[in-house]
ModelCIF file with pLDDT and N, C-alpha, C, O atoms, coordinates in Angstrom:
data_MODEL
#
_entry.id   MODEL 
#
_entity.id                         1 
_entity.type                       polymer 
_entity.pdbx_number_of_molecules   1 
#
_entity_poly.entity_id                      1 
_entity_poly.type                           'polypeptide(L)' 
_entity_poly.nstd_linkage                   no 
_entity_poly.nstd_monomer                   no 
_entity_poly.pdbx_seq_one_letter_code       KLRHEIGVCPGSAKETLYRQLSGRLLQSQ 
_entity_poly.pdbx_seq_one_letter_code_can   KLRHEIGVCPGSAKETLYRQLSGRLLQSQ 
_entity_poly.pdbx_strand_id                 A 
#
loop_
_entity_poly_seq.entity_id 
_entity_poly_seq.num 
_entity_poly_seq.mon_id 
_entity_poly_seq.hetero 
1 1  LYS n 
1 2  LEU n 
1 3  ARG n 
1 4  HIS n 
1 5  GLU n 
1 6  ILE n 
1 7  GLY n 
1 8  VAL n 
1 9  CYS n 
1 10 PRO n 
1 11 GLY n 
1 12 SER n 
1 13 ALA n 
1 14 LYS n 
1 15 GLU n 
1 16 THR n 
1 17 LEU n 
1 18 TYR n 
1 19 ARG n 
1 20 GLN n 
1 21 LEU n 
1 22 SER n 
1 23 GLY n 
1 24 ARG n 
1 25 LEU n 
1 26 LEU n 
1 27 GLN n 
1 28 SER n 
1 29 GLN n 
#
_struct_asym.id          A 
_struct_asym.entity_id   1 
#
loop_
_ma_qa_metric.id 
_ma_qa_metric.mode 
_ma_qa_metric.name 
_ma_qa_metric.software_group_id 
_ma_qa_metric.type 
1 global pLDDT . pLDDT 
2 local  pLDDT . pLDDT 
#
_ma_qa_metric_global.metric_id      1 
_ma_qa_metric_global.metric_value   86.86 
_ma_qa_metric_global.model_id       1 
_ma_qa_metric_global.ordinal_id     1 
#
loop_
_ma_qa_metric_local.label_asym_id 
_ma_qa_metric_local.label_comp_id 
_ma_qa_metric_local.label_seq_id 
_ma_qa_metric_local.metric_id 
_ma_qa_metric_local.metric_value 
_ma_qa_metric_local.model_id 
_ma_qa_metric_local.ordinal_id 
A LYS 1  2 91.00 1 1  
A LEU 2  2 89.00 1 2  
A ARG 3  2 88.00 1 3  
A HIS 4  2 89.00 1 4  
A GLU 5  2 86.00 1 5  
A ILE 6  2 84.00 1 6  
A GLY 7  2 83.00 1 7  
A VAL 8  2 83.00 1 8  
A CYS 9  2 78.00 1 9  
A PRO 10 2 75.00 1 10 
A GLY 11 2 77.00 1 11 
A SER 12 2 77.00 1 12 
A ALA 13 2 79.00 1 13 
A LYS 14 2 81.00 1 14 
A GLU 15 2 84.00 1 15 
A THR 16 2 86.00 1 16 
A LEU 17 2 87.00 1 17 
A TYR 18 2 87.00 1 18 
A ARG 19 2 88.00 1 19 
A GLN 20 2 91.00 1 20 
A LEU 21 2 91.00 1 21 
A SER 22 2 91.00 1 22 
A GLY 23 2 92.00 1 23 
A ARG 24 2 94.00 1 24 
A LEU 25 2 94.00 1 25 
A LEU 26 2 93.00 1 26 
A GLN 27 2 94.00 1 27 
A SER 28 2 94.00 1 28 
A GLN 29 2 93.00 1 29 
#
loop_
_atom_site.group_PDB 
_atom_site.id 
_atom_site.type_symbol 
_atom_site.label_atom_id 
_atom_site.label_alt_id 
_atom_site.label_comp_id 
_atom_site.label_asym_id 
_atom_site.label_entity_id 
_atom_site.label_seq_id 
_atom_site.pdbx_PDB_ins_code 
_atom_site.Cartn_x 
_atom_site.Cartn_y 
_atom_site.Cartn_z 
_atom_site.occupancy 
_atom_site.B_iso_or_equiv 
_atom_site.pdbx_formal_charge 
_atom_site.auth_seq_id 
_atom_site.auth_comp_id 
_atom_site.auth_asym_id 
_atom_site.auth_atom_id 
_atom_site.pdbx_PDB_model_num 
ATOM 1   N N  . LYS A 1 1  ? 21.782 79.768 130.587 1.00 91.00 ? 1  LYS A N  1 
ATOM 2   C CA . LYS A 1 1  ? 22.845 80.226 131.478 1.00 91.00 ? 1  LYS A CA 1 
ATOM 3   C C  . LYS A 1 1  ? 24.109 79.387 131.288 1.00 91.00 ? 1  LYS A C  1 
ATOM 4   O O  . LYS A 1 1  ? 25.211 79.930 131.223 1.00 91.00 ? 1  LYS A O  1 
ATOM 5   N N  . LEU A 1 2  ? 23.951 78.069 131.200 1.00 89.00 ? 2  LEU A N  1 
ATOM 6   C CA . LEU A 1 2  ? 25.107 77.197 131.014 1.00 89.00 ? 2  LEU A CA 1 
ATOM 7   C C  . LEU A 1 2  ? 25.761 77.422 129.647 1.00 89.00 ? 2  LEU A C  1 
ATOM 8   O O  . LEU A 1 2  ? 26.987 77.412 129.540 1.00 89.00 ? 2  LEU A O  1 
ATOM 9   N N  . ARG A 1 3  ? 24.965 77.620 128.622 1.00 88.00 ? 3  ARG A N  1 
ATOM 10  C CA . ARG A 1 3  ? 25.535 77.891 127.289 1.00 88.00 ? 3  ARG A CA 1 
ATOM 11  C C  . ARG A 1 3  ? 26.366 79.167 127.303 1.00 88.00 ? 3  ARG A C  1 
ATOM 12  O O  . ARG A 1 3  ? 27.425 79.239 126.680 1.00 88.00 ? 3  ARG A O  1 
ATOM 13  N N  . HIS A 1 4  ? 25.875 80.167 128.019 1.00 89.00 ? 4  HIS A N  1 
ATOM 14  C CA . HIS A 1 4  ? 26.644 81.402 128.153 1.00 89.00 ? 4  HIS A CA 1 
ATOM 15  C C  . HIS A 1 4  ? 27.960 81.135 128.870 1.00 89.00 ? 4  HIS A C  1 
ATOM 16  O O  . HIS A 1 4  ? 29.011 81.614 128.444 1.00 89.00 ? 4  HIS A O  1 
ATOM 17  N N  . GLU A 1 5  ? 27.905 80.378 129.947 1.00 86.00 ? 5  GLU A N  1 
ATOM 18  C CA . GLU A 1 5  ? 29.111 80.083 130.723 1.00 86.00 ? 5  GLU A CA 1 
ATOM 19  C C  . GLU A 1 5  ? 30.123 79.269 129.912 1.00 86.00 ? 5  GLU A C  1 
ATOM 20  O O  . GLU A 1 5  ? 31.329 79.458 130.066 1.00 86.00 ? 5  GLU A O  1 
ATOM 21  N N  . ILE A 1 6  ? 29.650 78.376 129.062 1.00 84.00 ? 6  ILE A N  1 
ATOM 22  C CA . ILE A 1 6  ? 30.555 77.595 128.213 1.00 84.00 ? 6  ILE A CA 1 
ATOM 23  C C  . ILE A 1 6  ? 31.344 78.532 127.297 1.00 84.00 ? 6  ILE A C  1 
ATOM 24  O O  . ILE A 1 6  ? 32.537 78.330 127.074 1.00 84.00 ? 6  ILE A O  1 
ATOM 25  N N  . GLY A 1 7  ? 30.680 79.545 126.774 1.00 83.00 ? 7  GLY A N  1 
ATOM 26  C CA . GLY A 1 7  ? 31.345 80.501 125.901 1.00 83.00 ? 7  GLY A CA 1 
ATOM 27  C C  . GLY A 1 7  ? 32.325 81.411 126.631 1.00 83.00 ? 7  GLY A C  1 
ATOM 28  O O  . GLY A 1 7  ? 33.288 81.899 126.039 1.00 83.00 ? 7  GLY A O  1 
ATOM 29  N N  . VAL A 1 8  ? 32.075 81.637 127.921 1.00 83.00 ? 8  VAL A N  1 
ATOM 30  C CA . VAL A 1 8  ? 32.916 82.536 128.708 1.00 83.00 ? 8  VAL A CA 1 
ATOM 31  C C  . VAL A 1 8  ? 34.251 81.897 129.075 1.00 83.00 ? 8  VAL A C  1 
ATOM 32  O O  . VAL A 1 8  ? 35.274 82.580 129.122 1.00 83.00 ? 8  VAL A O  1 
ATOM 33  N N  . CYS A 1 9  ? 34.246 80.604 129.332 1.00 78.00 ? 9  CYS A N  1 
ATOM 34  C CA . CYS A 1 9  ? 35.479 79.963 129.827 1.00 78.00 ? 9  CYS A CA 1 
ATOM 35  C C  . CYS A 1 9  ? 35.819 78.709 129.024 1.00 78.00 ? 9  CYS A C  1 
ATOM 36  O O  . CYS A 1 9  ? 35.843 77.612 129.583 1.00 78.00 ? 9  CYS A O  1 
ATOM 37  N N  . PRO A 1 10 ? 36.081 78.848 127.723 1.00 75.00 ? 10 PRO A N  1 
ATOM 38  C CA . PRO A 1 10 ? 36.423 77.663 126.927 1.00 75.00 ? 10 PRO A CA 1 
ATOM 39  C C  . PRO A 1 10 ? 37.755 77.052 127.385 1.00 75.00 ? 10 PRO A C  1 
ATOM 40  O O  . PRO A 1 10 ? 38.701 77.762 127.724 1.00 75.00 ? 10 PRO A O  1 
ATOM 41  N N  . GLY A 1 11 ? 37.796 75.735 127.382 1.00 77.00 ? 11 GLY A N  1 
ATOM 42  C CA . GLY A 1 11 ? 39.027 75.029 127.704 1.00 77.00 ? 11 GLY A CA 1 
ATOM 43  C C  . GLY A 1 11 ? 39.310 74.851 129.173 1.00 77.00 ? 11 GLY A C  1 
ATOM 44  O O  . GLY A 1 11 ? 40.327 74.256 129.531 1.00 77.00 ? 11 GLY A O  1 
ATOM 45  N N  . SER A 1 12 ? 38.448 75.345 130.037 1.00 77.00 ? 12 SER A N  1 
ATOM 46  C CA . SER A 1 12 ? 38.702 75.212 131.467 1.00 77.00 ? 12 SER A CA 1 
ATOM 47  C C  . SER A 1 12 ? 38.054 73.934 132.006 1.00 77.00 ? 12 SER A C  1 
ATOM 48  O O  . SER A 1 12 ? 37.276 73.273 131.318 1.00 77.00 ? 12 SER A O  1 
ATOM 49  N N  . ALA A 1 13 ? 38.394 73.607 133.246 1.00 79.00 ? 13 ALA A N  1 
ATOM 50  C CA . ALA A 1 13 ? 37.790 72.439 133.891 1.00 79.00 ? 13 ALA A CA 1 
ATOM 51  C C  . ALA A 1 13 ? 36.296 72.653 134.083 1.00 79.00 ? 13 ALA A C  1 
ATOM 52  O O  . ALA A 1 13 ? 35.511 71.706 134.043 1.00 79.00 ? 13 ALA A O  1 
ATOM 53  N N  . LYS A 1 14 ? 35.914 73.906 134.292 1.00 81.00 ? 14 LYS A N  1 
ATOM 54  C CA . LYS A 1 14 ? 34.492 74.200 134.474 1.00 81.00 ? 14 LYS A CA 1 
ATOM 55  C C  . LYS A 1 14 ? 33.707 73.908 133.195 1.00 81.00 ? 14 LYS A C  1 
ATOM 56  O O  . LYS A 1 14 ? 32.551 73.489 133.256 1.00 81.00 ? 14 LYS A O  1 
ATOM 57  N N  . GLU A 1 15 ? 34.328 74.127 132.045 1.00 84.00 ? 15 GLU A N  1 
ATOM 58  C CA . GLU A 1 15 ? 33.622 73.903 130.774 1.00 84.00 ? 15 GLU A CA 1 
ATOM 59  C C  . GLU A 1 15 ? 33.141 72.463 130.669 1.00 84.00 ? 15 GLU A C  1 
ATOM 60  O O  . GLU A 1 15 ? 32.026 72.208 130.214 1.00 84.00 ? 15 GLU A O  1 
ATOM 61  N N  . THR A 1 16 ? 33.978 71.527 131.089 1.00 86.00 ? 16 THR A N  1 
ATOM 62  C CA . THR A 1 16 ? 33.591 70.113 131.039 1.00 86.00 ? 16 THR A CA 1 
ATOM 63  C C  . THR A 1 16 ? 32.367 69.867 131.907 1.00 86.00 ? 16 THR A C  1 
ATOM 64  O O  . THR A 1 16 ? 31.433 69.182 131.493 1.00 86.00 ? 16 THR A O  1 
ATOM 65  N N  . LEU A 1 17 ? 32.373 70.425 133.106 1.00 87.00 ? 17 LEU A N  1 
ATOM 66  C CA . LEU A 1 17 ? 31.224 70.264 133.998 1.00 87.00 ? 17 LEU A CA 1 
ATOM 67  C C  . LEU A 1 17 ? 29.991 70.952 133.430 1.00 87.00 ? 17 LEU A C  1 
ATOM 68  O O  . LEU A 1 17 ? 28.887 70.413 133.507 1.00 87.00 ? 17 LEU A O  1 
ATOM 69  N N  . TYR A 1 18 ? 30.174 72.147 132.858 1.00 87.00 ? 18 TYR A N  1 
ATOM 70  C CA . TYR A 1 18 ? 29.047 72.842 132.234 1.00 87.00 ? 18 TYR A CA 1 
ATOM 71  C C  . TYR A 1 18 ? 28.422 71.992 131.136 1.00 87.00 ? 18 TYR A C  1 
ATOM 72  O O  . TYR A 1 18 ? 27.199 71.902 131.026 1.00 87.00 ? 18 TYR A O  1 
ATOM 73  N N  . ARG A 1 19 ? 29.268 71.377 130.334 1.00 88.00 ? 19 ARG A N  1 
ATOM 74  C CA . ARG A 1 19 ? 28.756 70.544 129.233 1.00 88.00 ? 19 ARG A CA 1 
ATOM 75  C C  . ARG A 1 19 ? 28.011 69.312 129.769 1.00 88.00 ? 19 ARG A C  1 
ATOM 76  O O  . ARG A 1 19 ? 26.988 68.917 129.210 1.00 88.00 ? 19 ARG A O  1 
ATOM 77  N N  . GLN A 1 20 ? 28.518 68.711 130.841 1.00 91.00 ? 20 GLN A N  1 
ATOM 78  C CA . GLN A 1 20 ? 27.837 67.558 131.439 1.00 91.00 ? 20 GLN A CA 1 
ATOM 79  C C  . GLN A 1 20 ? 26.484 67.964 132.005 1.00 91.00 ? 20 GLN A C  1 
ATOM 80  O O  . GLN A 1 20 ? 25.481 67.282 131.792 1.00 91.00 ? 20 GLN A O  1 
ATOM 81  N N  . LEU A 1 21 ? 26.464 69.081 132.728 1.00 91.00 ? 21 LEU A N  1 
ATOM 82  C CA . LEU A 1 21 ? 25.203 69.561 133.290 1.00 91.00 ? 21 LEU A CA 1 
ATOM 83  C C  . LEU A 1 21 ? 24.224 69.927 132.180 1.00 91.00 ? 21 LEU A C  1 
ATOM 84  O O  . LEU A 1 21 ? 23.032 69.633 132.270 1.00 91.00 ? 21 LEU A O  1 
ATOM 85  N N  . SER A 1 22 ? 24.733 70.568 131.143 1.00 91.00 ? 22 SER A N  1 
ATOM 86  C CA . SER A 1 22 ? 23.889 70.954 130.017 1.00 91.00 ? 22 SER A CA 1 
ATOM 87  C C  . SER A 1 22 ? 23.270 69.726 129.349 1.00 91.00 ? 22 SER A C  1 
ATOM 88  O O  . SER A 1 22 ? 22.097 69.746 128.978 1.00 91.00 ? 22 SER A O  1 
ATOM 89  N N  . GLY A 1 23 ? 24.052 68.665 129.196 1.00 92.00 ? 23 GLY A N  1 
ATOM 90  C CA . GLY A 1 23 ? 23.529 67.428 128.615 1.00 92.00 ? 23 GLY A CA 1 
ATOM 91  C C  . GLY A 1 23 ? 22.424 66.822 129.453 1.00 92.00 ? 23 GLY A C  1 
ATOM 92  O O  . GLY A 1 23 ? 21.415 66.360 128.921 1.00 92.00 ? 23 GLY A O  1 
ATOM 93  N N  . ARG A 1 24 ? 22.610 66.822 130.765 1.00 94.00 ? 24 ARG A N  1 
ATOM 94  C CA . ARG A 1 24 ? 21.577 66.284 131.653 1.00 94.00 ? 24 ARG A CA 1 
ATOM 95  C C  . ARG A 1 24 ? 20.325 67.157 131.623 1.00 94.00 ? 24 ARG A C  1 
ATOM 96  O O  . ARG A 1 24 ? 19.207 66.644 131.673 1.00 94.00 ? 24 ARG A O  1 
ATOM 97  N N  . LEU A 1 25 ? 20.511 68.480 131.540 1.00 94.00 ? 25 LEU A N  1 
ATOM 98  C CA . LEU A 1 25 ? 19.362 69.374 131.429 1.00 94.00 ? 25 LEU A CA 1 
ATOM 99  C C  . LEU A 1 25 ? 18.582 69.092 130.152 1.00 94.00 ? 25 LEU A C  1 
ATOM 100 O O  . LEU A 1 25 ? 17.352 69.045 130.167 1.00 94.00 ? 25 LEU A O  1 
ATOM 101 N N  . LEU A 1 26 ? 19.290 68.907 129.061 1.00 93.00 ? 26 LEU A N  1 
ATOM 102 C CA . LEU A 1 26 ? 18.622 68.632 127.786 1.00 93.00 ? 26 LEU A CA 1 
ATOM 103 C C  . LEU A 1 26 ? 17.860 67.310 127.819 1.00 93.00 ? 26 LEU A C  1 
ATOM 104 O O  . LEU A 1 26 ? 16.772 67.206 127.254 1.00 93.00 ? 26 LEU A O  1 
ATOM 105 N N  . GLN A 1 27 ? 18.428 66.295 128.482 1.00 94.00 ? 27 GLN A N  1 
ATOM 106 C CA . GLN A 1 27 ? 17.714 65.024 128.613 1.00 94.00 ? 27 GLN A CA 1 
ATOM 107 C C  . GLN A 1 27 ? 16.424 65.208 129.397 1.00 94.00 ? 27 GLN A C  1 
ATOM 108 O O  . GLN A 1 27 ? 15.381 64.669 129.027 1.00 94.00 ? 27 GLN A O  1 
ATOM 109 N N  . SER A 1 28 ? 16.497 65.971 130.481 1.00 94.00 ? 28 SER A N  1 
ATOM 110 C CA . SER A 1 28 ? 15.299 66.221 131.280 1.00 94.00 ? 28 SER A CA 1 
ATOM 111 C C  . SER A 1 28 ? 14.283 67.037 130.495 1.00 94.00 ? 28 SER A C  1 
ATOM 112 O O  . SER A 1 28 ? 13.081 66.791 130.587 1.00 94.00 ? 28 SER A O  1 
ATOM 113 N N  . GLN A 1 29 ? 14.765 68.013 129.718 1.00 93.00 ? 29 GLN A N  1 
ATOM 114 C CA . GLN A 1 29 ? 13.872 68.803 128.876 1.00 93.00 ? 29 GLN A CA 1 
ATOM 115 C C  . GLN A 1 29 ? 13.150 67.918 127.872 1.00 93.00 ? 29 GLN A C  1 
ATOM 116 O O  . GLN A 1 29 ? 12.353 68.412 127.074 1.00 93.00 ? 29 GLN A O  1 
#
């Protein structure tokens, strides 16, 4: 879901948060 959202809104403030959340998800995975 986060990967999809990153592609939908590149360059926005949300993208940075999506990438941070995605990184934490990957660490937990």
